[in-house]
Amino acid sequence: MSENLYQHSVKTAFNTADIQAWLIDNISHILGLNPEEIDIREPLDSYGLDSSQAIILASKAEKFLGFKLSLIHLWYYPTIEELAQRLAEELENSDSEILQI
């Protein structure tokens, strides 16, 4: 039984490609675009992502990643490529901190 509890408490590790795919899927859904229309190197605001849509995206990302995504991330990392890389780094750092305890 303790093994089962341990499995639920460990976060799933996502890499940059996983996060990029998730972002493409969710952003295209939020904006009503085909995923093929999304270029990971284009700024998100070039697709017309507004503040209310950014809040929705951040909320969904929090559930997916297991930590709060600050909207400031969308400002400092304006493309899917940059944002996914940064989020993967944060996940890696948080996993390292958990393992050090």
C-alpha atoms as a PDB file:
ATOM      1  CA  MET A   1       0.000   0.000   0.000  1.00  0.00           C
ATOM      2  CA  SER A   2       2.794   2.473   0.778  1.00  0.00           C
ATOM      3  CA  GLU A   3       4.213   1.798  -2.694  1.00  0.00           C
ATOM      4  CA  ASN A   4       0.906   2.856  -4.225  1.00  0.00           C
ATOM      5  CA  LEU A   5       0.886   6.100  -2.206  1.00  0.00           C
ATOM      6  CA  TYR A   6       4.454   6.800  -3.326  1.00  0.00           C
ATOM      7  CA  GLN A   7       3.527   6.390  -6.992  1.00  0.00           C
ATOM      8  CA  HIS A   8       0.745   8.962  -6.681  1.00  0.00           C
ATOM      9  CA  SER A   9       2.963  11.496  -4.941  1.00  0.00           C
ATOM     10  CA  VAL A  10       5.666  11.491  -7.627  1.00  0.00           C
ATOM     11  CA  LYS A  11       5.120  13.950 -10.469  1.00  0.00           C
ATOM     12  CA  THR A  12       5.163  12.715 -14.024  1.00  0.00           C
ATOM     13  CA  ALA A  13       8.307  13.978 -15.725  1.00  0.00           C
ATOM     14  CA  PHE A  14       7.622  15.846 -18.937  1.00  0.00           C
ATOM     15  CA  ASN A  15      10.337  16.884 -21.348  1.00  0.00           C
ATOM     16  CA  THR A  16      10.378  19.916 -23.623  1.00  0.00           C
ATOM     17  CA  ALA A  17       8.780  18.024 -26.535  1.00  0.00           C
ATOM     18  CA  ASP A  18       5.911  16.801 -24.314  1.00  0.00           C
ATOM     19  CA  ILE A  19       5.258  20.319 -23.085  1.00  0.00           C
ATOM     20  CA  GLN A  20       5.448  21.780 -26.600  1.00  0.00           C
ATOM     21  CA  ALA A  21       2.915  19.228 -27.850  1.00  0.00           C
ATOM     22  CA  TRP A  22       0.612  19.978 -24.922  1.00  0.00           C
ATOM     23  CA  LEU A  23       0.914  23.742 -25.495  1.00  0.00           C
ATOM     24  CA  ILE A  24       0.210  23.399 -29.231  1.00  0.00           C
ATOM     25  CA  ASP A  25      -2.854  21.252 -28.564  1.00  0.00           C
ATOM     26  CA  ASN A  26      -4.277  23.553 -25.895  1.00  0.00           C
ATOM     27  CA  ILE A  27      -3.457  26.862 -27.579  1.00  0.00           C
ATOM     28  CA  SER A  28      -4.940  25.690 -30.870  1.00  0.00           C
ATOM     29  CA  HIS A  29      -8.071  24.570 -29.018  1.00  0.00           C
ATOM     30  CA  ILE A  30      -8.390  27.846 -27.077  1.00  0.00           C
ATOM     31  CA  LEU A  31      -7.903  29.923 -30.245  1.00  0.00           C
ATOM     32  CA  GLY A  32      -9.932  27.693 -32.569  1.00  0.00           C
ATOM     33  CA  LEU A  33      -6.952  26.958 -34.838  1.00  0.00           C
ATOM     34  CA  ASN A  34      -5.657  23.752 -36.347  1.00  0.00           C
ATOM     35  CA  PRO A  35      -2.558  22.560 -34.488  1.00  0.00           C
ATOM     36  CA  GLU A  36      -0.676  22.597 -37.811  1.00  0.00           C
ATOM     37  CA  GLU A  37      -1.184  26.373 -37.961  1.00  0.00           C
ATOM     38  CA  ILE A  38       0.852  26.901 -34.791  1.00  0.00           C
ATOM     39  CA  ASP A  39       4.559  27.713 -35.203  1.00  0.00           C
ATOM     40  CA  ILE A  40       6.468  27.146 -31.971  1.00  0.00           C
ATOM     41  CA  ARG A  41       8.851  30.002 -32.848  1.00  0.00           C
ATOM     42  CA  GLU A  42       6.139  32.632 -33.339  1.00  0.00           C
ATOM     43  CA  PRO A  43       5.145  34.847 -30.394  1.00  0.00           C
ATOM     44  CA  LEU A  44       1.851  33.759 -28.870  1.00  0.00           C
ATOM     45  CA  ASP A  45       0.407  37.249 -29.196  1.00  0.00           C
ATOM     46  CA  SER A  46       0.790  36.956 -32.984  1.00  0.00           C
ATOM     47  CA  TYR A  47      -2.046  34.407 -32.811  1.00  0.00           C
ATOM     48  CA  GLY A  48      -4.254  36.822 -30.890  1.00  0.00           C
ATOM     49  CA  LEU A  49      -3.957  35.159 -27.472  1.00  0.00           C
ATOM     50  CA  ASP A  50      -5.609  37.638 -25.098  1.00  0.00           C
ATOM     51  CA  SER A  51      -5.334  37.937 -21.322  1.00  0.00           C
ATOM     52  CA  SER A  52      -8.442  35.886 -20.523  1.00  0.00           C
ATOM     53  CA  GLN A  53      -7.234  33.103 -22.823  1.00  0.00           C
ATOM     54  CA  ALA A  54      -3.795  33.283 -21.198  1.00  0.00           C
ATOM     55  CA  ILE A  55      -5.436  32.777 -17.789  1.00  0.00           C
ATOM     56  CA  ILE A  56      -7.269  29.714 -19.107  1.00  0.00           C
ATOM     57  CA  LEU A  57      -4.020  28.360 -20.539  1.00  0.00           C
ATOM     58  CA  ALA A  58      -2.175  28.959 -17.256  1.00  0.00           C
ATOM     59  CA  SER A  59      -4.918  27.188 -15.296  1.00  0.00           C
ATOM     60  CA  LYS A  60      -4.814  24.160 -17.582  1.00  0.00           C
ATOM     61  CA  ALA A  61      -1.011  24.142 -17.481  1.00  0.00           C
ATOM     62  CA  GLU A  62      -1.091  24.119 -13.682  1.00  0.00           C
ATOM     63  CA  LYS A  63      -3.160  20.927 -13.749  1.00  0.00           C
ATOM     64  CA  PHE A  64      -0.962  19.356 -16.430  1.00  0.00           C
ATOM     65  CA  LEU A  65       2.418  20.249 -14.916  1.00  0.00           C
ATOM     66  CA  GLY A  66       1.547  20.110 -11.248  1.00  0.00           C
ATOM     67  CA  PHE A  67       2.746  23.615 -10.384  1.00  0.00           C
ATOM     68  CA  LYS A  68       1.403  27.140 -10.796  1.00  0.00           C
ATOM     69  CA  LEU A  69       2.263  28.813 -14.079  1.00  0.00           C
ATOM     70  CA  SER A  70       2.673  32.528 -13.545  1.00  0.00           C
ATOM     71  CA  LEU A  71       1.344  34.690 -16.375  1.00  0.00           C
ATOM     72  CA  ILE A  72       4.703  36.476 -16.301  1.00  0.00           C
ATOM     73  CA  HIS A  73       6.128  33.342 -17.961  1.00  0.00           C
ATOM     74  CA  LEU A  74       4.126  34.239 -21.075  1.00  0.00           C
ATOM     75  CA  TRP A  75       5.794  37.651 -21.093  1.00  0.00           C
ATOM     76  CA  TYR A  76       9.376  36.469 -20.589  1.00  0.00           C
ATOM     77  CA  TYR A  77       9.007  33.360 -22.782  1.00  0.00           C
ATOM     78  CA  PRO A  78       6.672  34.545 -25.545  1.00  0.00           C
ATOM     79  CA  THR A  79       6.993  31.555 -27.899  1.00  0.00           C
ATOM     80  CA  ILE A  80       5.941  27.954 -27.356  1.00  0.00           C
ATOM     81  CA  GLU A  81       9.540  26.891 -27.928  1.00  0.00           C
ATOM     82  CA  GLU A  82      10.915  29.204 -25.218  1.00  0.00           C
ATOM     83  CA  LEU A  83       8.065  28.593 -22.794  1.00  0.00           C
ATOM     84  CA  ALA A  84       8.258  24.795 -23.092  1.00  0.00           C
ATOM     85  CA  GLN A  85      12.010  24.850 -22.535  1.00  0.00           C
ATOM     86  CA  ARG A  86      11.645  26.999 -19.421  1.00  0.00           C
ATOM     87  CA  LEU A  87       8.821  24.899 -17.996  1.00  0.00           C
ATOM     88  CA  ALA A  88      10.802  21.697 -18.583  1.00  0.00           C
ATOM     89  CA  GLU A  89      13.724  23.280 -16.703  1.00  0.00           C
ATOM     90  CA  GLU A  90      11.431  24.212 -13.811  1.00  0.00           C
ATOM     91  CA  LEU A  91      10.053  20.674 -13.687  1.00  0.00           C
ATOM     92  CA  GLU A  92      13.567  19.262 -13.684  1.00  0.00           C
ATOM     93  CA  ASN A  93      14.599  21.632 -10.882  1.00  0.00           C
ATOM     94  CA  SER A  94      11.516  20.822  -8.800  1.00  0.00           C
ATOM     95  CA  ASP A  95      12.130  17.077  -9.266  1.00  0.00           C
ATOM     96  CA  SER A  96      15.738  17.555  -8.149  1.00  0.00           C
ATOM     97  CA  GLU A  97      14.590  19.444  -5.051  1.00  0.00           C
ATOM     98  CA  ILE A  98      12.131  16.670  -4.198  1.00  0.00           C
ATOM     99  CA  LEU A  99      14.798  14.012  -4.593  1.00  0.00           C
ATOM    100  CA  GLN A 100      17.212  15.927  -2.354  1.00  0.00           C
ATOM    101  CA  ILE A 101      14.823  15.924   0.595  1.00  0.00           C
END
